[in-house]
Amino acid sequence: MFVGVYDRSIDDSGRLGLPSQFRTELGDRCYATLDPQGCITLRTVGVFESDAQEVIEGVKDGRLTRAQRRSIATNTIAVTIDKQGRLTLEEKARQFAGLVAGEQAMIVGNLNSIEIWRPSRYDTVESEDRDESQPRKWED
């Protein structure tokens, strides 16, 4: 399980260091998907392959379209993690997510996946999530 929020910098080569507790579960390879929310989502090989199989079955039984399957496939890449626990984000992925080499990124655990956010985008999504859940307001 991936939990917590971490602030990391992206080096000039587009590499991003992952929190140590995430490295063990990811291993030396994972899948990175350009998420429609505007971030990059990382999944372990096992989770991605399971999700992909569900998409394939969804196309077969008519719940999903071939275009949806193609969108997932073309917006996902296999990523390797180096011995220092860094992954290299391709330029296309960085541009999509608004990430800039030399600047900060938020690494967010989302239980079975990891999200990589531009800090300002994460702040917006986090604020929207808070508004949506409408937490109880204590009077004390």
N, C-alpha and C. Protein backbone atom coordinates (compact mmCIF):
# COMPACT_ATOMS: atom_id res chain seq x y z
N MET A 1 0.84 -1.19 0.00
CA MET A 1 0.00 0.00 0.00
C MET A 1 0.88 1.25 0.00
N PHE A 2 0.44 2.23 -0.74
CA PHE A 2 1.16 3.49 -0.83
C PHE A 2 0.36 4.57 -0.11
N VAL A 3 0.94 5.17 0.91
CA VAL A 3 0.25 6.20 1.67
C VAL A 3 1.21 7.35 1.96
N GLY A 4 0.66 8.53 2.21
CA GLY A 4 1.46 9.69 2.57
C GLY A 4 1.65 10.64 1.40
N VAL A 5 2.15 11.83 1.73
CA VAL A 5 2.44 12.87 0.74
C VAL A 5 3.89 13.31 0.95
N TYR A 6 4.64 13.38 -0.13
CA TYR A 6 6.07 13.69 -0.06
C TYR A 6 6.41 14.77 -1.08
N ASP A 7 7.25 15.68 -0.67
CA ASP A 7 7.71 16.78 -1.52
C ASP A 7 9.11 16.41 -2.00
N ARG A 8 9.30 16.34 -3.31
CA ARG A 8 10.59 15.98 -3.88
C ARG A 8 10.92 16.94 -5.01
N SER A 9 12.20 17.04 -5.35
CA SER A 9 12.59 17.87 -6.49
C SER A 9 12.91 16.98 -7.68
N ILE A 10 12.69 17.55 -8.85
CA ILE A 10 13.02 16.89 -10.11
C ILE A 10 14.36 17.46 -10.55
N ASP A 11 15.33 16.59 -10.80
CA ASP A 11 16.64 17.12 -11.19
C ASP A 11 16.63 17.58 -12.64
N ASP A 12 17.73 18.17 -13.09
CA ASP A 12 17.80 18.73 -14.43
C ASP A 12 17.68 17.68 -15.54
N SER A 13 17.86 16.40 -15.20
CA SER A 13 17.71 15.32 -16.17
C SER A 13 16.30 14.72 -16.16
N GLY A 14 15.41 15.30 -15.35
CA GLY A 14 14.04 14.80 -15.27
C GLY A 14 13.87 13.63 -14.33
N ARG A 15 14.87 13.38 -13.47
CA ARG A 15 14.77 12.26 -12.52
C ARG A 15 14.10 12.72 -11.24
N LEU A 16 13.34 11.80 -10.67
CA LEU A 16 12.60 12.07 -9.45
C LEU A 16 12.86 10.94 -8.47
N GLY A 17 13.34 11.28 -7.28
CA GLY A 17 13.60 10.29 -6.24
C GLY A 17 12.32 9.91 -5.52
N LEU A 18 12.09 8.62 -5.39
CA LEU A 18 10.89 8.14 -4.72
C LEU A 18 11.15 7.94 -3.23
N PRO A 19 10.13 8.09 -2.39
CA PRO A 19 10.30 7.80 -0.96
C PRO A 19 10.75 6.35 -0.78
N SER A 20 11.62 6.12 0.17
CA SER A 20 12.19 4.78 0.35
C SER A 20 11.12 3.71 0.58
N GLN A 21 10.05 4.03 1.31
CA GLN A 21 9.03 3.03 1.57
C GLN A 21 8.26 2.63 0.30
N PHE A 22 8.29 3.45 -0.74
CA PHE A 22 7.62 3.10 -2.00
C PHE A 22 8.51 2.22 -2.88
N ARG A 23 9.82 2.37 -2.74
CA ARG A 23 10.77 1.68 -3.62
C ARG A 23 10.66 0.17 -3.52
N THR A 24 10.52 -0.33 -2.31
CA THR A 24 10.48 -1.78 -2.10
C THR A 24 9.30 -2.40 -2.83
N GLU A 25 8.13 -1.79 -2.68
CA GLU A 25 6.94 -2.36 -3.30
C GLU A 25 6.95 -2.21 -4.83
N LEU A 26 7.52 -1.12 -5.35
CA LEU A 26 7.57 -0.93 -6.80
C LEU A 26 8.59 -1.86 -7.46
N GLY A 27 9.65 -2.18 -6.76
CA GLY A 27 10.71 -2.96 -7.38
C GLY A 27 11.53 -2.09 -8.32
N ASP A 28 12.06 -2.69 -9.38
CA ASP A 28 12.90 -1.91 -10.29
C ASP A 28 12.16 -1.49 -11.57
N ARG A 29 10.85 -1.75 -11.60
CA ARG A 29 10.07 -1.39 -12.80
C ARG A 29 8.62 -1.17 -12.39
N CYS A 30 7.97 -0.22 -13.07
CA CYS A 30 6.56 0.04 -12.84
C CYS A 30 5.98 0.65 -14.12
N TYR A 31 4.71 0.99 -14.07
CA TYR A 31 4.05 1.63 -15.20
C TYR A 31 3.62 3.03 -14.81
N ALA A 32 3.84 3.99 -15.71
CA ALA A 32 3.47 5.38 -15.51
C ALA A 32 2.41 5.75 -16.54
N THR A 33 1.27 6.26 -16.05
CA THR A 33 0.15 6.62 -16.92
C THR A 33 -0.13 8.11 -16.79
N LEU A 34 -0.38 8.76 -17.92
CA LEU A 34 -0.81 10.16 -17.91
C LEU A 34 -2.27 10.15 -17.48
N ASP A 35 -2.52 10.57 -16.26
CA ASP A 35 -3.85 10.51 -15.67
C ASP A 35 -4.70 11.68 -16.14
N PRO A 36 -5.97 11.45 -16.51
CA PRO A 36 -6.83 12.56 -16.96
C PRO A 36 -6.99 13.68 -15.94
N GLN A 37 -6.71 13.42 -14.66
CA GLN A 37 -6.79 14.47 -13.65
C GLN A 37 -5.65 15.47 -13.76
N GLY A 38 -4.62 15.15 -14.54
CA GLY A 38 -3.51 16.08 -14.72
C GLY A 38 -2.25 15.72 -13.96
N CYS A 39 -2.15 14.47 -13.52
CA CYS A 39 -0.95 14.00 -12.84
C CYS A 39 -0.41 12.77 -13.57
N ILE A 40 0.66 12.21 -13.05
CA ILE A 40 1.20 10.95 -13.56
C ILE A 40 0.92 9.91 -12.48
N THR A 41 0.31 8.80 -12.87
CA THR A 41 0.00 7.74 -11.92
C THR A 41 0.94 6.58 -12.14
N LEU A 42 1.59 6.14 -11.07
CA LEU A 42 2.48 4.98 -11.11
C LEU A 42 1.75 3.78 -10.51
N ARG A 43 1.89 2.62 -11.17
CA ARG A 43 1.34 1.37 -10.66
C ARG A 43 2.41 0.29 -10.72
N THR A 44 2.36 -0.61 -9.76
CA THR A 44 3.26 -1.76 -9.82
C THR A 44 2.92 -2.56 -11.08
N VAL A 45 3.84 -3.41 -11.48
CA VAL A 45 3.60 -4.27 -12.65
C VAL A 45 2.34 -5.10 -12.42
N GLY A 46 2.20 -5.70 -11.24
CA GLY A 46 1.05 -6.54 -10.95
C GLY A 46 -0.27 -5.80 -11.00
N VAL A 47 -0.32 -4.62 -10.40
CA VAL A 47 -1.56 -3.84 -10.39
C VAL A 47 -1.90 -3.38 -11.80
N PHE A 48 -0.91 -2.89 -12.55
CA PHE A 48 -1.20 -2.43 -13.90
C PHE A 48 -1.69 -3.58 -14.78
N GLU A 49 -1.02 -4.72 -14.69
CA GLU A 49 -1.44 -5.85 -15.52
C GLU A 49 -2.85 -6.32 -15.17
N SER A 50 -3.20 -6.29 -13.90
CA SER A 50 -4.55 -6.64 -13.47
C SER A 50 -5.57 -5.63 -14.02
N ASP A 51 -5.25 -4.33 -13.89
CA ASP A 51 -6.13 -3.29 -14.43
C ASP A 51 -6.27 -3.42 -15.94
N ALA A 52 -5.16 -3.69 -16.61
CA ALA A 52 -5.19 -3.83 -18.07
C ALA A 52 -6.06 -5.02 -18.49
N GLN A 53 -5.98 -6.11 -17.75
CA GLN A 53 -6.82 -7.27 -18.06
C GLN A 53 -8.30 -6.93 -17.91
N GLU A 54 -8.64 -6.13 -16.90
CA GLU A 54 -10.03 -5.69 -16.72
C GLU A 54 -10.48 -4.86 -17.91
N VAL A 55 -9.60 -4.00 -18.43
CA VAL A 55 -9.94 -3.19 -19.60
C VAL A 55 -10.15 -4.10 -20.81
N ILE A 56 -9.28 -5.05 -21.01
CA ILE A 56 -9.41 -5.98 -22.14
C ILE A 56 -10.74 -6.72 -22.05
N GLU A 57 -11.08 -7.21 -20.86
CA GLU A 57 -12.36 -7.91 -20.67
C GLU A 57 -13.54 -6.96 -20.89
N GLY A 58 -13.39 -5.71 -20.45
CA GLY A 58 -14.44 -4.72 -20.65
C GLY A 58 -14.72 -4.44 -22.11
N VAL A 59 -13.69 -4.45 -22.93
CA VAL A 59 -13.88 -4.27 -24.37
C VAL A 59 -14.57 -5.49 -24.95
N LYS A 60 -14.16 -6.67 -24.52
CA LYS A 60 -14.77 -7.90 -25.03
C LYS A 60 -16.25 -7.98 -24.72
N ASP A 61 -16.65 -7.55 -23.51
CA ASP A 61 -18.07 -7.67 -23.15
C ASP A 61 -18.87 -6.39 -23.42
N GLY A 62 -18.25 -5.39 -24.05
CA GLY A 62 -18.97 -4.21 -24.49
C GLY A 62 -19.10 -3.09 -23.46
N ARG A 63 -18.52 -3.23 -22.26
CA ARG A 63 -18.59 -2.16 -21.25
C ARG A 63 -17.67 -1.00 -21.60
N LEU A 64 -16.59 -1.30 -22.32
CA LEU A 64 -15.61 -0.28 -22.71
C LEU A 64 -15.40 -0.34 -24.22
N THR A 65 -14.91 0.76 -24.76
CA THR A 65 -14.66 0.82 -26.20
C THR A 65 -13.18 0.54 -26.51
N ARG A 66 -12.92 0.23 -27.75
CA ARG A 66 -11.53 0.04 -28.18
C ARG A 66 -10.75 1.35 -28.03
N ALA A 67 -11.44 2.47 -28.22
CA ALA A 67 -10.78 3.77 -28.05
C ALA A 67 -10.33 3.98 -26.60
N GLN A 68 -11.14 3.54 -25.65
CA GLN A 68 -10.75 3.65 -24.24
C GLN A 68 -9.53 2.77 -23.96
N ARG A 69 -9.54 1.57 -24.51
CA ARG A 69 -8.39 0.67 -24.34
C ARG A 69 -7.14 1.30 -24.95
N ARG A 70 -7.28 1.84 -26.15
CA ARG A 70 -6.14 2.46 -26.83
C ARG A 70 -5.62 3.66 -26.04
N SER A 71 -6.52 4.45 -25.47
CA SER A 71 -6.11 5.62 -24.70
C SER A 71 -5.23 5.22 -23.52
N ILE A 72 -5.64 4.18 -22.82
CA ILE A 72 -4.84 3.71 -21.68
C ILE A 72 -3.48 3.21 -22.17
N ALA A 73 -3.49 2.43 -23.23
CA ALA A 73 -2.24 1.85 -23.74
C ALA A 73 -1.27 2.92 -24.26
N THR A 74 -1.79 3.92 -24.95
CA THR A 74 -0.90 4.92 -25.54
C THR A 74 -0.47 6.00 -24.55
N ASN A 75 -1.15 6.08 -23.41
CA ASN A 75 -0.78 7.06 -22.39
C ASN A 75 -0.05 6.44 -21.22
N THR A 76 0.45 5.24 -21.41
CA THR A 76 1.18 4.52 -20.36
C THR A 76 2.53 4.06 -20.90
N ILE A 77 3.56 4.16 -20.07
CA ILE A 77 4.88 3.65 -20.43
C ILE A 77 5.44 2.84 -19.28
N ALA A 78 6.29 1.89 -19.61
CA ALA A 78 7.03 1.14 -18.59
C ALA A 78 8.20 2.01 -18.16
N VAL A 79 8.43 2.08 -16.86
CA VAL A 79 9.47 2.94 -16.29
C VAL A 79 10.38 2.09 -15.41
N THR A 80 11.68 2.32 -15.51
CA THR A 80 12.61 1.63 -14.62
C THR A 80 13.02 2.55 -13.49
N ILE A 81 13.35 1.94 -12.37
CA ILE A 81 13.78 2.69 -11.19
C ILE A 81 15.24 2.33 -10.95
N ASP A 82 16.10 3.34 -10.87
CA ASP A 82 17.53 3.07 -10.73
C ASP A 82 17.88 2.67 -9.29
N LYS A 83 19.15 2.35 -9.07
CA LYS A 83 19.59 1.86 -7.76
C LYS A 83 19.48 2.91 -6.66
N GLN A 84 19.39 4.19 -7.03
CA GLN A 84 19.20 5.25 -6.05
C GLN A 84 17.71 5.52 -5.78
N GLY A 85 16.83 4.73 -6.40
CA GLY A 85 15.39 4.90 -6.18
C GLY A 85 14.79 6.04 -6.98
N ARG A 86 15.41 6.37 -8.12
CA ARG A 86 14.90 7.45 -8.96
C ARG A 86 14.29 6.88 -10.23
N LEU A 87 13.28 7.57 -10.74
CA LEU A 87 12.76 7.24 -12.06
C LEU A 87 12.89 8.47 -12.92
N THR A 88 13.05 8.26 -14.21
CA THR A 88 13.18 9.38 -15.14
C THR A 88 11.84 9.60 -15.81
N LEU A 89 11.34 10.83 -15.69
CA LEU A 89 10.08 11.20 -16.32
C LEU A 89 10.38 11.78 -17.69
N GLU A 90 9.81 11.17 -18.72
CA GLU A 90 10.01 11.66 -20.08
C GLU A 90 9.45 13.07 -20.22
N GLU A 91 9.98 13.81 -21.16
CA GLU A 91 9.55 15.19 -21.40
C GLU A 91 8.04 15.27 -21.64
N LYS A 92 7.49 14.36 -22.44
CA LYS A 92 6.04 14.37 -22.72
C LYS A 92 5.24 14.25 -21.42
N ALA A 93 5.66 13.37 -20.55
CA ALA A 93 4.96 13.17 -19.27
C ALA A 93 5.10 14.41 -18.39
N ARG A 94 6.29 14.98 -18.33
CA ARG A 94 6.50 16.18 -17.51
C ARG A 94 5.63 17.33 -18.02
N GLN A 95 5.59 17.52 -19.33
CA GLN A 95 4.77 18.59 -19.89
C GLN A 95 3.29 18.37 -19.57
N PHE A 96 2.83 17.14 -19.75
CA PHE A 96 1.43 16.81 -19.48
C PHE A 96 1.06 17.17 -18.04
N ALA A 97 1.92 16.82 -17.09
CA ALA A 97 1.64 17.03 -15.68
C ALA A 97 2.08 18.41 -15.17
N GLY A 98 2.64 19.24 -16.05
CA GLY A 98 3.08 20.57 -15.64
C GLY A 98 4.31 20.56 -14.74
N LEU A 99 5.09 19.49 -14.84
CA LEU A 99 6.30 19.36 -14.01
C LEU A 99 7.49 19.94 -14.74
N VAL A 100 8.35 20.60 -13.99
CA VAL A 100 9.50 21.28 -14.59
C VAL A 100 10.77 20.78 -13.91
N ALA A 101 11.77 20.40 -14.74
CA ALA A 101 13.06 19.99 -14.19
C ALA A 101 13.61 21.13 -13.34
N GLY A 102 14.17 20.76 -12.19
CA GLY A 102 14.71 21.76 -11.27
C GLY A 102 13.68 22.29 -10.29
N GLU A 103 12.43 21.87 -10.42
CA GLU A 103 11.39 22.33 -9.50
C GLU A 103 10.86 21.17 -8.67
N GLN A 104 9.88 21.45 -7.83
CA GLN A 104 9.32 20.48 -6.92
C GLN A 104 8.19 19.67 -7.56
N ALA A 105 7.96 18.49 -6.99
CA ALA A 105 6.83 17.63 -7.34
C ALA A 105 6.30 17.04 -6.05
N MET A 106 5.01 16.77 -6.03
CA MET A 106 4.39 16.09 -4.89
C MET A 106 4.20 14.64 -5.26
N ILE A 107 4.66 13.75 -4.39
CA ILE A 107 4.45 12.31 -4.58
C ILE A 107 3.41 11.89 -3.56
N VAL A 108 2.29 11.39 -4.06
CA VAL A 108 1.13 11.13 -3.22
C VAL A 108 0.77 9.65 -3.28
N GLY A 109 0.73 9.00 -2.12
CA GLY A 109 0.28 7.63 -2.06
C GLY A 109 -1.23 7.57 -2.20
N ASN A 110 -1.72 6.68 -3.06
CA ASN A 110 -3.15 6.53 -3.27
C ASN A 110 -3.52 5.04 -3.17
N LEU A 111 -3.09 4.43 -2.08
CA LEU A 111 -3.32 3.03 -1.73
C LEU A 111 -2.65 2.07 -2.71
N ASN A 112 -3.25 1.78 -3.87
CA ASN A 112 -2.62 0.83 -4.79
C ASN A 112 -1.87 1.51 -5.93
N SER A 113 -1.74 2.82 -5.86
CA SER A 113 -1.00 3.56 -6.88
C SER A 113 -0.31 4.77 -6.23
N ILE A 114 0.53 5.40 -7.02
CA ILE A 114 1.25 6.60 -6.60
C ILE A 114 0.95 7.69 -7.62
N GLU A 115 0.67 8.89 -7.15
CA GLU A 115 0.42 10.00 -8.06
C GLU A 115 1.57 11.01 -7.94
N ILE A 116 1.98 11.54 -9.07
CA ILE A 116 3.02 12.58 -9.10
C ILE A 116 2.36 13.85 -9.62
N TRP A 117 2.38 14.88 -8.78
CA TRP A 117 1.66 16.12 -9.07
C TRP A 117 2.57 17.33 -9.11
N ARG A 118 2.22 18.29 -9.92
CA ARG A 118 2.75 19.65 -9.81
C ARG A 118 2.14 20.18 -8.51
N PRO A 119 2.92 20.80 -7.61
CA PRO A 119 2.37 21.21 -6.33
C PRO A 119 1.10 22.07 -6.42
N SER A 120 1.05 23.02 -7.33
CA SER A 120 -0.14 23.87 -7.43
C SER A 120 -1.37 23.07 -7.85
N ARG A 121 -1.19 22.09 -8.73
CA ARG A 121 -2.31 21.24 -9.13
C ARG A 121 -2.77 20.36 -7.97
N TYR A 122 -1.81 19.85 -7.21
CA TYR A 122 -2.18 19.02 -6.06
C TYR A 122 -2.95 19.83 -5.03
N ASP A 123 -2.51 21.07 -4.79
CA ASP A 123 -3.22 21.94 -3.86
C ASP A 123 -4.67 22.13 -4.30
N THR A 124 -4.89 22.32 -5.59
CA THR A 124 -6.25 22.49 -6.12
C THR A 124 -7.08 21.24 -5.92
N VAL A 125 -6.53 20.08 -6.27
CA VAL A 125 -7.26 18.83 -6.13
C VAL A 125 -7.54 18.53 -4.66
N GLU A 126 -6.56 18.76 -3.81
CA GLU A 126 -6.74 18.53 -2.38
C GLU A 126 -7.85 19.42 -1.82
N SER A 127 -7.89 20.67 -2.25
CA SER A 127 -8.94 21.59 -1.82
C SER A 127 -10.31 21.12 -2.31
N GLU A 128 -10.38 20.69 -3.56
CA GLU A 128 -11.64 20.17 -4.10
C GLU A 128 -12.09 18.93 -3.35
N ASP A 129 -11.14 18.05 -3.01
CA ASP A 129 -11.47 16.84 -2.25
C ASP A 129 -12.03 17.21 -0.88
N ARG A 130 -11.43 18.19 -0.23
CA ARG A 130 -11.91 18.63 1.09
C ARG A 130 -13.32 19.18 0.99
N ASP A 131 -13.57 20.01 -0.03
CA ASP A 131 -14.89 20.59 -0.21
C ASP A 131 -15.94 19.51 -0.48
N GLU A 132 -15.54 18.50 -1.27
CA GLU A 132 -16.46 17.43 -1.63
C GLU A 132 -16.83 16.57 -0.43
N SER A 133 -15.87 16.30 0.43
CA SER A 133 -16.14 15.42 1.57
C SER A 133 -16.83 16.15 2.72
N GLN A 134 -16.79 17.47 2.74
CA GLN A 134 -17.42 18.30 3.75
C GLN A 134 -17.24 17.73 5.16
N PRO A 135 -16.03 17.82 5.68
CA PRO A 135 -15.79 17.29 7.02
C PRO A 135 -16.63 18.02 8.08
N ARG A 136 -16.88 17.33 9.17
CA ARG A 136 -17.65 17.90 10.28
C ARG A 136 -16.91 19.11 10.84
N LYS A 137 -17.66 20.14 11.16
CA LYS A 137 -17.08 21.34 11.76
C LYS A 137 -17.38 21.29 13.24
N TRP A 138 -16.33 21.21 14.04
CA TRP A 138 -16.48 21.14 15.50
C TRP A 138 -16.67 22.53 16.06
N GLU A 139 -17.51 22.63 17.05
CA GLU A 139 -17.82 23.92 17.67
C GLU A 139 -16.93 24.23 18.86
N ASP A 140 -16.08 23.29 19.27
CA ASP A 140 -15.23 23.54 20.44
C ASP A 140 -13.97 24.17 19.99
